Every structure is written in structure tokens, then in C-alpha cells.
Amino acid sequence: MTPMLKPLLICPLYVTLLCSTNVYAEKADSTKPVQVEADRITVDDVKKQHILEGRVILTKGTMIIRSNRVVVSQDANGFQTSVAEGGDGGLARFRQKRENSNEYVDGEAERIEHSDRTQQTDFYTRAYLKSGQDEVRGQFIRYDARIENYTVTNSSGTGKSGGDGRVRAVIQPRNTGPADPAPPSRSSITLPSGSSFSPNKP
């Protein structure tokens, strides 16, 4: 799932990407129920937690989280927070459809935390995110679905830098203006009788 990236943009500490237009995640996702599949589910009504383990698939509208373990917690106002962990060196994976678009936001990391309240998704350690044609990679990525904002740093959240201490991004051009006009095509010219014309002479 993780393609090879060309380091077209390399920053020593962090990079923040802002799309030229606001493209929102599916607004209806926040009102949809959570559907889960797992090898084992443990429910703790006191803590208002659901612990999902083993080949977990969590679906909420168009949002899908896949991992080895997910803990879903609910606060007093009914907002849910999902924490997914890949486990055994694996990666958790995230996907969500954009509003009024057929494009998706795809990401992966060793740990992924998604908040219904803030609509923010945090990717910790070996983090990768692809939105449209743009790709970012670092030790920590915060994706804000409300304003299509990405913050990428070389810190995993533990205060330690990973890899070579760099974050990387591939940013595709956004052509909003008209295309360059095509060169004029050659056309035949009919001249009055007795006239002469040569395209190779002034």
C-alpha cells in the first residue's frame, strides 16, 4: 500500500500543507454508527470502551480503519475516539472519502487515533498519508478533515526523531487556469487570379 516516494520537498523539522480549496471529508460520517468486525470483542460498560482484537475492520460511514487492535471510547457527550494499533511491527490503515468527490484520503502508521469530536486523525510512527495526488511521510502526521490541513513532523510523539530526521512530501501541481493555446495550424490560402504566394519568402 505504501508506494515509493520521490523526495520533491524535504524539510528538517516539519511541513504543513494547505490545499488551495477546502475539500471536506464526508460530513455524514460523524452521524453514522460504528460497525466492527474482529476475532474478539470486549465491552467495558463502566469505562464505555469496546476493545477489538484480531483482524479488526472498523467502519463508520465512508471511514474505514483496519488494524490488529482498536479501542473505541465514548465520552459523556457521545463522541467517540478510536485508537488503532498495528501490532507486531505491522501498520494500522485508515481510509475516508472526501465530500462531493470520488477521491479518498488513505493513511497508515503504527498507531492511528481518530476523534469524532475534532474530526482530527493522528498518525504515529512510520506515518504516511495520501490525499488526492499529494503524499506526505513522517514520524507524526495530523490530518484535520474539516479544513483539509496536514501537519507532518519528524517526532513520533515521544520526543524522539525517527529515520533520518526528515519529513517528505510529493505535492502535485494544481492547474486552475486555462491551458496554453495550441499553436496555429497551417491552412490553405486561395489568392486572386494572377497572384503568387510562397510561405518560405517574406
N, C-alpha and C. Protein backbone atom coordinates (compact mmCIF):
# COMPACT_ATOMS: atom_id res chain seq x y z
N MET A 1 0.82 -1.21 0.00
CA MET A 1 0.00 0.00 0.00
C MET A 1 0.85 1.25 0.00
N THR A 2 2.10 1.14 0.53
CA THR A 2 2.94 2.32 0.63
C THR A 2 3.83 2.42 -0.60
N PRO A 3 3.57 3.35 -1.52
CA PRO A 3 4.37 3.46 -2.72
C PRO A 3 5.69 4.14 -2.43
N MET A 4 6.66 3.99 -3.37
CA MET A 4 7.93 4.68 -3.24
C MET A 4 7.72 6.15 -3.50
N LEU A 5 8.25 6.99 -2.61
CA LEU A 5 8.05 8.42 -2.73
C LEU A 5 9.30 9.08 -3.24
N LYS A 6 9.15 10.08 -4.10
CA LYS A 6 10.25 10.91 -4.53
C LYS A 6 10.31 12.12 -3.62
N PRO A 7 11.45 12.37 -2.97
CA PRO A 7 11.51 13.48 -2.02
C PRO A 7 11.60 14.83 -2.72
N LEU A 8 10.49 15.25 -3.32
CA LEU A 8 10.47 16.52 -4.02
C LEU A 8 10.55 17.68 -3.05
N LEU A 9 10.04 17.50 -1.85
CA LEU A 9 10.12 18.54 -0.82
C LEU A 9 10.64 17.89 0.44
N ILE A 10 11.75 18.39 0.96
CA ILE A 10 12.36 17.81 2.16
C ILE A 10 12.57 18.92 3.17
N CYS A 11 12.02 18.77 4.37
CA CYS A 11 12.14 19.77 5.41
C CYS A 11 12.80 19.15 6.63
N PRO A 12 13.62 19.89 7.36
CA PRO A 12 14.31 19.31 8.51
C PRO A 12 13.42 19.08 9.71
N LEU A 13 12.36 19.86 9.91
CA LEU A 13 11.57 19.75 11.12
C LEU A 13 10.12 19.39 10.85
N TYR A 14 9.44 20.17 10.04
CA TYR A 14 8.03 19.90 9.82
C TYR A 14 7.59 20.52 8.50
N VAL A 15 6.42 20.08 8.06
CA VAL A 15 5.83 20.69 6.87
C VAL A 15 4.33 20.71 7.06
N THR A 16 3.71 21.81 6.71
CA THR A 16 2.26 21.94 6.78
C THR A 16 1.75 22.21 5.37
N LEU A 17 0.80 21.41 4.92
CA LEU A 17 0.26 21.55 3.58
C LEU A 17 -1.16 22.04 3.67
N LEU A 18 -1.48 23.06 2.90
CA LEU A 18 -2.84 23.57 2.82
C LEU A 18 -3.31 23.49 1.38
N CYS A 19 -4.41 22.79 1.15
CA CYS A 19 -4.93 22.71 -0.20
C CYS A 19 -5.46 24.07 -0.64
N SER A 20 -5.47 24.29 -1.95
CA SER A 20 -5.91 25.59 -2.45
C SER A 20 -7.40 25.78 -2.29
N THR A 21 -8.14 24.70 -2.16
CA THR A 21 -9.58 24.80 -1.90
C THR A 21 -9.91 23.89 -0.74
N ASN A 22 -10.96 24.22 -0.01
CA ASN A 22 -11.37 23.38 1.11
C ASN A 22 -12.14 22.17 0.59
N VAL A 23 -11.60 21.00 0.83
CA VAL A 23 -12.25 19.75 0.44
C VAL A 23 -12.47 18.96 1.71
N TYR A 24 -13.70 18.75 2.06
CA TYR A 24 -14.01 18.18 3.36
C TYR A 24 -14.26 16.68 3.26
N ALA A 25 -14.01 15.99 4.37
CA ALA A 25 -14.39 14.59 4.46
C ALA A 25 -15.92 14.52 4.50
N GLU A 26 -16.43 13.33 4.25
CA GLU A 26 -17.87 13.14 4.24
C GLU A 26 -18.49 13.62 5.56
N LYS A 27 -19.35 14.65 5.47
CA LYS A 27 -19.95 15.22 6.67
C LYS A 27 -20.86 14.22 7.37
N ALA A 28 -21.46 13.32 6.60
CA ALA A 28 -22.41 12.38 7.18
C ALA A 28 -21.73 11.30 8.03
N ASP A 29 -20.42 11.14 7.88
CA ASP A 29 -19.72 10.08 8.61
C ASP A 29 -19.87 10.22 10.11
N SER A 30 -19.84 11.46 10.61
CA SER A 30 -19.88 11.67 12.06
C SER A 30 -21.21 11.24 12.68
N THR A 31 -22.26 11.12 11.87
CA THR A 31 -23.57 10.74 12.40
C THR A 31 -23.87 9.26 12.20
N LYS A 32 -22.96 8.54 11.55
CA LYS A 32 -23.20 7.13 11.26
C LYS A 32 -22.77 6.25 12.44
N PRO A 33 -23.42 5.11 12.63
CA PRO A 33 -23.00 4.19 13.70
C PRO A 33 -21.70 3.49 13.33
N VAL A 34 -20.99 3.01 14.34
CA VAL A 34 -19.76 2.25 14.11
C VAL A 34 -20.12 0.79 13.90
N GLN A 35 -19.59 0.21 12.84
CA GLN A 35 -19.75 -1.22 12.59
C GLN A 35 -18.37 -1.86 12.67
N VAL A 36 -18.28 -3.01 13.34
CA VAL A 36 -16.97 -3.61 13.56
C VAL A 36 -16.99 -5.09 13.23
N GLU A 37 -15.82 -5.56 12.81
CA GLU A 37 -15.55 -6.98 12.65
C GLU A 37 -14.22 -7.26 13.35
N ALA A 38 -14.13 -8.35 14.09
CA ALA A 38 -12.90 -8.68 14.80
C ALA A 38 -12.95 -10.14 15.24
N ASP A 39 -11.79 -10.67 15.60
CA ASP A 39 -11.75 -12.03 16.15
C ASP A 39 -12.29 -12.07 17.57
N ARG A 40 -12.12 -10.94 18.29
CA ARG A 40 -12.58 -10.89 19.68
C ARG A 40 -12.99 -9.47 20.03
N ILE A 41 -14.10 -9.31 20.74
CA ILE A 41 -14.59 -8.01 21.17
C ILE A 41 -14.86 -8.06 22.66
N THR A 42 -14.29 -7.11 23.40
CA THR A 42 -14.51 -6.98 24.83
C THR A 42 -15.20 -5.66 25.10
N VAL A 43 -16.32 -5.70 25.83
CA VAL A 43 -17.10 -4.49 26.12
C VAL A 43 -16.96 -4.15 27.60
N ASP A 44 -16.56 -2.90 27.87
CA ASP A 44 -16.47 -2.41 29.24
C ASP A 44 -17.45 -1.25 29.38
N ASP A 45 -18.64 -1.54 29.93
CA ASP A 45 -19.68 -0.52 30.05
C ASP A 45 -19.32 0.57 31.05
N VAL A 46 -18.53 0.22 32.06
CA VAL A 46 -18.15 1.21 33.06
C VAL A 46 -17.26 2.28 32.44
N LYS A 47 -16.26 1.85 31.72
CA LYS A 47 -15.34 2.79 31.06
C LYS A 47 -15.86 3.26 29.70
N LYS A 48 -16.98 2.69 29.27
CA LYS A 48 -17.55 2.99 27.95
C LYS A 48 -16.50 2.75 26.85
N GLN A 49 -15.95 1.54 26.87
CA GLN A 49 -14.94 1.15 25.91
C GLN A 49 -15.31 -0.16 25.23
N HIS A 50 -14.95 -0.25 23.96
CA HIS A 50 -15.03 -1.50 23.23
C HIS A 50 -13.61 -1.83 22.75
N ILE A 51 -13.10 -2.99 23.13
CA ILE A 51 -11.76 -3.41 22.74
C ILE A 51 -11.89 -4.48 21.67
N LEU A 52 -11.38 -4.18 20.49
CA LEU A 52 -11.48 -5.07 19.34
C LEU A 52 -10.10 -5.62 19.03
N GLU A 53 -10.00 -6.93 18.88
CA GLU A 53 -8.70 -7.55 18.66
C GLU A 53 -8.78 -8.59 17.55
N GLY A 54 -7.73 -8.63 16.73
CA GLY A 54 -7.60 -9.64 15.71
C GLY A 54 -8.30 -9.30 14.40
N ARG A 55 -7.52 -8.91 13.39
CA ARG A 55 -8.05 -8.61 12.05
C ARG A 55 -9.25 -7.68 12.11
N VAL A 56 -9.06 -6.56 12.77
CA VAL A 56 -10.16 -5.64 13.04
C VAL A 56 -10.47 -4.80 11.80
N ILE A 57 -11.75 -4.68 11.50
CA ILE A 57 -12.24 -3.75 10.47
C ILE A 57 -13.31 -2.90 11.12
N LEU A 58 -13.03 -1.61 11.27
CA LEU A 58 -13.98 -0.67 11.86
C LEU A 58 -14.48 0.25 10.75
N THR A 59 -15.81 0.34 10.61
CA THR A 59 -16.41 1.16 9.55
C THR A 59 -17.37 2.16 10.18
N LYS A 60 -17.25 3.42 9.77
CA LYS A 60 -18.16 4.47 10.23
C LYS A 60 -18.45 5.35 9.02
N GLY A 61 -19.57 5.10 8.36
CA GLY A 61 -19.84 5.79 7.10
C GLY A 61 -18.83 5.38 6.06
N THR A 62 -18.12 6.35 5.48
CA THR A 62 -17.09 6.04 4.49
C THR A 62 -15.73 5.82 5.13
N MET A 63 -15.60 6.08 6.43
CA MET A 63 -14.32 5.89 7.12
C MET A 63 -14.12 4.43 7.47
N ILE A 64 -12.93 3.91 7.15
CA ILE A 64 -12.59 2.52 7.45
C ILE A 64 -11.23 2.50 8.12
N ILE A 65 -11.13 1.79 9.24
CA ILE A 65 -9.86 1.58 9.93
C ILE A 65 -9.63 0.07 10.00
N ARG A 66 -8.43 -0.35 9.59
CA ARG A 66 -8.05 -1.75 9.66
C ARG A 66 -6.78 -1.88 10.49
N SER A 67 -6.80 -2.79 11.45
CA SER A 67 -5.60 -2.98 12.27
C SER A 67 -5.74 -4.27 13.07
N ASN A 68 -4.72 -4.53 13.88
CA ASN A 68 -4.74 -5.71 14.72
C ASN A 68 -5.52 -5.49 16.01
N ARG A 69 -5.58 -4.21 16.46
CA ARG A 69 -6.28 -3.91 17.72
C ARG A 69 -6.82 -2.48 17.67
N VAL A 70 -8.07 -2.31 18.08
CA VAL A 70 -8.70 -0.99 18.12
C VAL A 70 -9.45 -0.86 19.45
N VAL A 71 -9.27 0.28 20.11
CA VAL A 71 -10.04 0.60 21.31
C VAL A 71 -10.93 1.79 20.99
N VAL A 72 -12.23 1.61 21.13
CA VAL A 72 -13.20 2.67 20.87
C VAL A 72 -13.75 3.15 22.21
N SER A 73 -13.55 4.43 22.50
CA SER A 73 -14.03 5.03 23.75
C SER A 73 -15.08 6.09 23.45
N GLN A 74 -16.02 6.26 24.36
CA GLN A 74 -17.08 7.25 24.17
C GLN A 74 -17.13 8.17 25.38
N ASP A 75 -17.16 9.50 25.11
CA ASP A 75 -17.20 10.45 26.22
C ASP A 75 -18.64 10.70 26.66
N ALA A 76 -18.81 11.59 27.64
CA ALA A 76 -20.13 11.84 28.21
C ALA A 76 -21.10 12.45 27.21
N ASN A 77 -20.58 13.09 26.17
CA ASN A 77 -21.44 13.71 25.15
C ASN A 77 -21.70 12.81 23.96
N GLY A 78 -21.19 11.58 24.03
CA GLY A 78 -21.45 10.63 22.96
C GLY A 78 -20.43 10.63 21.85
N PHE A 79 -19.40 11.47 21.93
CA PHE A 79 -18.37 11.48 20.90
C PHE A 79 -17.43 10.31 21.10
N GLN A 80 -17.02 9.71 20.00
CA GLN A 80 -16.18 8.52 20.06
C GLN A 80 -14.75 8.82 19.63
N THR A 81 -13.81 8.14 20.26
CA THR A 81 -12.41 8.19 19.89
C THR A 81 -11.94 6.77 19.62
N SER A 82 -11.30 6.58 18.49
CA SER A 82 -10.81 5.25 18.10
C SER A 82 -9.30 5.27 18.05
N VAL A 83 -8.67 4.31 18.76
CA VAL A 83 -7.21 4.18 18.76
C VAL A 83 -6.87 2.82 18.18
N ALA A 84 -6.18 2.84 17.03
CA ALA A 84 -5.85 1.60 16.32
C ALA A 84 -4.34 1.37 16.38
N GLU A 85 -3.94 0.12 16.60
CA GLU A 85 -2.54 -0.25 16.65
C GLU A 85 -2.31 -1.44 15.73
N GLY A 86 -1.21 -1.34 14.96
CA GLY A 86 -0.90 -2.43 14.03
C GLY A 86 -0.46 -3.69 14.75
N GLY A 87 0.44 -3.54 15.72
CA GLY A 87 0.91 -4.69 16.50
C GLY A 87 1.91 -5.54 15.74
N ASP A 88 2.91 -6.08 16.46
CA ASP A 88 3.93 -6.96 15.89
C ASP A 88 4.64 -6.33 14.70
N GLY A 89 4.89 -5.04 14.80
CA GLY A 89 5.60 -4.36 13.72
C GLY A 89 4.74 -4.01 12.52
N GLY A 90 3.46 -4.35 12.59
CA GLY A 90 2.57 -4.04 11.48
C GLY A 90 2.04 -2.61 11.55
N LEU A 91 1.28 -2.24 10.57
CA LEU A 91 0.73 -0.89 10.48
C LEU A 91 -0.79 -0.93 10.50
N ALA A 92 -1.38 0.06 11.17
CA ALA A 92 -2.82 0.27 11.08
C ALA A 92 -3.10 1.12 9.84
N ARG A 93 -4.28 0.96 9.25
CA ARG A 93 -4.59 1.66 8.00
C ARG A 93 -5.93 2.39 8.11
N PHE A 94 -5.98 3.52 7.43
CA PHE A 94 -7.13 4.44 7.51
C PHE A 94 -7.54 4.84 6.10
N ARG A 95 -8.85 4.95 5.89
CA ARG A 95 -9.38 5.45 4.60
C ARG A 95 -10.67 6.21 4.87
N GLN A 96 -10.86 7.34 4.16
CA GLN A 96 -12.09 8.12 4.27
C GLN A 96 -12.36 8.84 2.96
N LYS A 97 -13.60 8.85 2.55
CA LYS A 97 -13.99 9.51 1.30
C LYS A 97 -14.14 11.00 1.51
N ARG A 98 -13.78 11.76 0.49
CA ARG A 98 -13.96 13.19 0.54
C ARG A 98 -15.40 13.55 0.21
N GLU A 99 -15.81 14.70 0.72
CA GLU A 99 -17.16 15.20 0.47
C GLU A 99 -17.31 15.60 -1.00
N ASN A 100 -18.39 15.16 -1.63
CA ASN A 100 -18.70 15.51 -3.02
C ASN A 100 -17.55 15.20 -3.97
N SER A 101 -16.90 14.07 -3.74
CA SER A 101 -15.78 13.68 -4.58
C SER A 101 -15.64 12.17 -4.55
N ASN A 102 -15.06 11.62 -5.60
CA ASN A 102 -14.78 10.19 -5.62
C ASN A 102 -13.39 9.87 -5.09
N GLU A 103 -12.67 10.89 -4.59
CA GLU A 103 -11.33 10.68 -4.07
C GLU A 103 -11.38 10.30 -2.59
N TYR A 104 -10.33 9.61 -2.16
CA TYR A 104 -10.22 9.16 -0.77
C TYR A 104 -8.94 9.68 -0.15
N VAL A 105 -8.96 9.78 1.17
CA VAL A 105 -7.75 10.02 1.96
C VAL A 105 -7.32 8.68 2.52
N ASP A 106 -6.09 8.26 2.23
CA ASP A 106 -5.56 6.99 2.71
C ASP A 106 -4.33 7.23 3.56
N GLY A 107 -4.22 6.52 4.67
CA GLY A 107 -3.06 6.68 5.52
C GLY A 107 -2.74 5.41 6.27
N GLU A 108 -1.53 5.38 6.84
CA GLU A 108 -1.12 4.24 7.65
C GLU A 108 -0.06 4.68 8.65
N ALA A 109 0.05 3.95 9.75
CA ALA A 109 1.03 4.23 10.79
C ALA A 109 0.99 3.08 11.79
N GLU A 110 1.96 3.07 12.71
CA GLU A 110 1.93 2.04 13.75
C GLU A 110 0.75 2.25 14.70
N ARG A 111 0.38 3.53 14.92
CA ARG A 111 -0.80 3.83 15.73
C ARG A 111 -1.57 4.97 15.09
N ILE A 112 -2.89 4.83 15.05
CA ILE A 112 -3.77 5.85 14.47
C ILE A 112 -4.84 6.19 15.50
N GLU A 113 -5.02 7.48 15.76
CA GLU A 113 -6.05 7.94 16.69
C GLU A 113 -7.01 8.87 15.93
N HIS A 114 -8.30 8.55 15.98
CA HIS A 114 -9.30 9.37 15.30
C HIS A 114 -10.34 9.86 16.30
N SER A 115 -10.62 11.17 16.25
CA SER A 115 -11.58 11.79 17.16
C SER A 115 -12.80 12.27 16.38
N ASP A 116 -13.97 11.79 16.76
CA ASP A 116 -15.21 12.28 16.15
C ASP A 116 -15.46 13.74 16.52
N ARG A 117 -15.08 14.13 17.71
CA ARG A 117 -15.35 15.49 18.18
C ARG A 117 -14.59 16.53 17.34
N THR A 118 -13.31 16.31 17.13
CA THR A 118 -12.48 17.29 16.42
C THR A 118 -12.35 16.99 14.94
N GLN A 119 -12.73 15.78 14.52
CA GLN A 119 -12.53 15.33 13.14
C GLN A 119 -11.06 15.33 12.76
N GLN A 120 -10.20 15.13 13.76
CA GLN A 120 -8.77 15.03 13.51
C GLN A 120 -8.33 13.58 13.63
N THR A 121 -7.39 13.20 12.77
CA THR A 121 -6.81 11.87 12.81
C THR A 121 -5.30 12.01 12.94
N ASP A 122 -4.73 11.38 13.97
CA ASP A 122 -3.30 11.44 14.22
C ASP A 122 -2.65 10.11 13.85
N PHE A 123 -1.54 10.20 13.14
CA PHE A 123 -0.79 9.02 12.70
C PHE A 123 0.59 9.06 13.37
N TYR A 124 0.90 8.02 14.16
CA TYR A 124 2.13 7.99 14.94
C TYR A 124 3.08 6.90 14.42
N THR A 125 4.32 7.28 14.14
CA THR A 125 5.42 6.38 13.83
C THR A 125 5.22 5.69 12.47
N ARG A 126 6.21 5.91 11.59
CA ARG A 126 6.16 5.42 10.21
C ARG A 126 4.86 5.86 9.54
N ALA A 127 4.55 7.12 9.72
CA ALA A 127 3.26 7.65 9.25
C ALA A 127 3.33 8.01 7.77
N TYR A 128 2.26 7.72 7.07
CA TYR A 128 2.13 8.02 5.64
C TYR A 128 0.70 8.43 5.36
N LEU A 129 0.52 9.45 4.53
CA LEU A 129 -0.82 9.91 4.18
C LEU A 129 -0.84 10.30 2.71
N LYS A 130 -1.88 9.89 2.02
CA LYS A 130 -2.10 10.24 0.61
C LYS A 130 -3.48 10.85 0.48
N SER A 131 -3.54 12.08 -0.01
CA SER A 131 -4.81 12.78 -0.20
C SER A 131 -4.85 13.29 -1.63
N GLY A 132 -5.76 12.75 -2.43
CA GLY A 132 -5.75 13.09 -3.84
C GLY A 132 -4.46 12.58 -4.45
N GLN A 133 -3.68 13.49 -5.05
CA GLN A 133 -2.40 13.11 -5.62
C GLN A 133 -1.22 13.50 -4.72
N ASP A 134 -1.50 14.14 -3.58
CA ASP A 134 -0.44 14.56 -2.67
C ASP A 134 -0.10 13.44 -1.68
N GLU A 135 1.18 13.32 -1.35
CA GLU A 135 1.63 12.30 -0.42
C GLU A 135 2.58 12.92 0.59
N VAL A 136 2.44 12.54 1.86
CA VAL A 136 3.34 13.02 2.90
C VAL A 136 3.78 11.84 3.76
N ARG A 137 4.99 11.98 4.32
CA ARG A 137 5.54 10.91 5.15
C ARG A 137 6.36 11.52 6.28
N GLY A 138 6.21 10.99 7.49
CA GLY A 138 6.99 11.45 8.63
C GLY A 138 6.74 10.53 9.81
N GLN A 139 7.25 10.93 10.96
CA GLN A 139 7.03 10.14 12.16
C GLN A 139 5.69 10.48 12.82
N PHE A 140 5.16 11.67 12.51
CA PHE A 140 3.84 12.05 13.04
C PHE A 140 3.12 12.89 12.00
N ILE A 141 1.86 12.56 11.74
CA ILE A 141 1.01 13.33 10.83
C ILE A 141 -0.31 13.61 11.53
N ARG A 142 -0.73 14.85 11.52
CA ARG A 142 -2.08 15.20 11.99
C ARG A 142 -2.89 15.67 10.79
N TYR A 143 -4.01 14.99 10.56
CA TYR A 143 -4.90 15.32 9.45
C TYR A 143 -6.20 15.87 10.00
N ASP A 144 -6.53 17.10 9.62
CA ASP A 144 -7.78 17.75 10.04
C ASP A 144 -8.74 17.71 8.86
N ALA A 145 -9.75 16.85 8.96
CA ALA A 145 -10.67 16.66 7.83
C ALA A 145 -11.55 17.87 7.59
N ARG A 146 -11.74 18.72 8.58
CA ARG A 146 -12.64 19.87 8.42
C ARG A 146 -12.08 20.91 7.47
N ILE A 147 -10.76 21.09 7.48
CA ILE A 147 -10.15 22.14 6.67
C ILE A 147 -9.09 21.59 5.73
N GLU A 148 -8.99 20.27 5.62
CA GLU A 148 -8.01 19.61 4.74
C GLU A 148 -6.60 20.15 5.00
N ASN A 149 -6.18 20.03 6.24
CA ASN A 149 -4.88 20.53 6.67
C ASN A 149 -4.04 19.37 7.17
N TYR A 150 -2.77 19.34 6.76
CA TYR A 150 -1.86 18.29 7.18
C TYR A 150 -0.68 18.90 7.91
N THR A 151 -0.35 18.38 9.06
CA THR A 151 0.86 18.78 9.75
C THR A 151 1.74 17.54 9.91
N VAL A 152 2.97 17.62 9.44
CA VAL A 152 3.87 16.49 9.44
C VAL A 152 5.15 16.87 10.19
N THR A 153 5.60 16.02 11.13
CA THR A 153 6.83 16.29 11.84
C THR A 153 7.68 15.03 11.88
N ASN A 154 8.94 15.20 12.30
CA ASN A 154 9.84 14.06 12.42
C ASN A 154 9.83 13.48 13.83
N SER A 155 8.90 13.93 14.67
CA SER A 155 8.78 13.42 16.03
C SER A 155 7.62 12.45 16.10
N SER A 156 7.83 11.32 16.74
CA SER A 156 6.79 10.30 16.84
C SER A 156 5.80 10.58 17.96
N GLY A 157 5.98 11.71 18.67
CA GLY A 157 5.12 12.00 19.81
C GLY A 157 5.75 11.61 21.12
N THR A 158 6.88 10.91 21.05
CA THR A 158 7.59 10.51 22.25
C THR A 158 8.79 11.40 22.50
N GLY A 159 8.98 12.41 21.62
CA GLY A 159 10.12 13.29 21.75
C GLY A 159 11.34 12.81 20.99
N LYS A 160 11.25 11.65 20.38
CA LYS A 160 12.37 11.10 19.64
C LYS A 160 12.10 11.22 18.14
N SER A 161 13.14 11.54 17.40
CA SER A 161 13.03 11.61 15.95
C SER A 161 13.28 10.24 15.36
N GLY A 162 12.65 10.00 14.22
CA GLY A 162 12.82 8.71 13.57
C GLY A 162 13.47 8.85 12.22
N GLY A 163 14.01 7.75 11.72
CA GLY A 163 14.61 7.75 10.41
C GLY A 163 15.78 8.71 10.33
N ASP A 164 15.84 9.50 9.25
CA ASP A 164 16.94 10.44 9.06
C ASP A 164 16.59 11.83 9.58
N GLY A 165 15.50 11.95 10.34
CA GLY A 165 15.13 13.24 10.90
C GLY A 165 14.46 14.17 9.91
N ARG A 166 14.01 13.65 8.79
CA ARG A 166 13.38 14.47 7.76
C ARG A 166 11.91 14.07 7.59
N VAL A 167 11.13 14.99 7.05
CA VAL A 167 9.80 14.63 6.58
C VAL A 167 9.79 14.86 5.09
N ARG A 168 8.96 14.13 4.37
CA ARG A 168 8.97 14.18 2.92
C ARG A 168 7.56 14.33 2.38
N ALA A 169 7.47 14.99 1.24
CA ALA A 169 6.16 15.19 0.62
C ALA A 169 6.31 15.22 -0.88
N VAL A 170 5.29 14.75 -1.56
CA VAL A 170 5.15 14.89 -3.00
C VAL A 170 3.90 15.72 -3.23
N ILE A 171 4.05 16.91 -3.80
CA ILE A 171 2.94 17.84 -3.99
C ILE A 171 2.71 18.01 -5.47
N GLN A 172 1.56 17.60 -5.94
CA GLN A 172 1.24 17.71 -7.36
C GLN A 172 0.76 19.12 -7.68
N PRO A 173 1.04 19.63 -8.88
CA PRO A 173 0.56 20.96 -9.26
C PRO A 173 -0.95 20.98 -9.40
N ARG A 174 -1.54 22.13 -9.09
CA ARG A 174 -2.98 22.31 -9.23
C ARG A 174 -3.20 23.38 -10.30
N ASN A 175 -3.49 22.93 -11.51
CA ASN A 175 -3.66 23.84 -12.63
C ASN A 175 -5.10 24.33 -12.67
N THR A 176 -5.28 25.61 -12.34
CA THR A 176 -6.64 26.16 -12.31
C THR A 176 -6.91 27.07 -13.50
N GLY A 177 -5.86 27.54 -14.18
CA GLY A 177 -6.03 28.44 -15.32
C GLY A 177 -6.23 27.68 -16.60
N PRO A 178 -6.56 28.40 -17.68
CA PRO A 178 -6.75 27.73 -18.96
C PRO A 178 -5.43 27.20 -19.49
N ALA A 179 -5.49 26.17 -20.27
CA ALA A 179 -4.29 25.59 -20.86
C ALA A 179 -3.71 26.55 -21.89
N ASP A 180 -2.39 26.42 -22.16
CA ASP A 180 -1.76 27.25 -23.17
C ASP A 180 -2.41 27.02 -24.51
N PRO A 181 -2.65 28.10 -25.27
CA PRO A 181 -3.29 27.91 -26.57
C PRO A 181 -2.43 27.08 -27.49
N ALA A 182 -3.07 26.27 -28.30
CA ALA A 182 -2.34 25.43 -29.25
C ALA A 182 -1.77 26.29 -30.35
N PRO A 183 -0.61 25.91 -30.90
CA PRO A 183 -0.03 26.69 -32.00
C PRO A 183 -0.97 26.69 -33.19
N PRO A 184 -1.00 27.79 -33.95
CA PRO A 184 -1.90 27.86 -35.10
C PRO A 184 -1.56 26.79 -36.12
N SER A 185 -2.59 26.19 -36.67
CA SER A 185 -2.39 25.16 -37.67
C SER A 185 -2.21 25.81 -39.05
N ARG A 186 -1.52 25.11 -39.95
CA ARG A 186 -1.32 25.62 -41.30
C ARG A 186 -2.61 25.47 -42.08
N SER A 187 -2.92 26.48 -42.86
CA SER A 187 -4.16 26.44 -43.63
C SER A 187 -3.88 26.84 -45.07
N SER A 188 -4.74 26.42 -45.96
CA SER A 188 -4.58 26.77 -47.37
C SER A 188 -5.16 28.15 -47.62
N ILE A 189 -4.55 28.87 -48.54
CA ILE A 189 -4.99 30.22 -48.88
C ILE A 189 -5.27 30.28 -50.37
N THR A 190 -6.38 30.80 -50.77
CA THR A 190 -6.73 30.99 -52.17
C THR A 190 -6.51 32.45 -52.54
N LEU A 191 -5.61 32.67 -53.48
CA LEU A 191 -5.28 34.03 -53.87
C LEU A 191 -6.00 34.41 -55.16
N PRO A 192 -6.17 35.71 -55.38
CA PRO A 192 -6.80 36.14 -56.64
C PRO A 192 -6.00 35.69 -57.84
N SER A 193 -6.67 35.58 -58.97
CA SER A 193 -6.02 35.14 -60.20
C SER A 193 -4.87 36.07 -60.56
N GLY A 194 -3.72 35.48 -60.91
CA GLY A 194 -2.56 36.26 -61.28
C GLY A 194 -1.64 36.57 -60.13
N SER A 195 -2.03 36.25 -58.88
CA SER A 195 -1.18 36.50 -57.71
C SER A 195 -0.33 35.28 -57.43
N SER A 196 0.74 35.49 -56.71
CA SER A 196 1.59 34.37 -56.30
C SER A 196 1.89 34.50 -54.80
N PHE A 197 2.11 33.34 -54.11
CA PHE A 197 2.38 33.34 -52.65
C PHE A 197 3.30 32.19 -52.34
N SER A 198 4.35 32.47 -51.59
CA SER A 198 5.25 31.40 -51.14
C SER A 198 5.43 31.56 -49.64
N PRO A 199 5.14 30.54 -48.81
CA PRO A 199 5.28 30.63 -47.36
C PRO A 199 6.72 30.73 -46.91
N ASN A 200 7.64 30.45 -47.78
CA ASN A 200 9.05 30.48 -47.41
C ASN A 200 9.72 31.81 -47.72
N LYS A 201 8.96 32.77 -48.32
CA LYS A 201 9.52 34.07 -48.63
C LYS A 201 8.78 35.14 -47.88
N PRO A 202 9.45 36.24 -47.50
CA PRO A 202 8.75 37.34 -46.80
C PRO A 202 7.77 38.04 -47.70
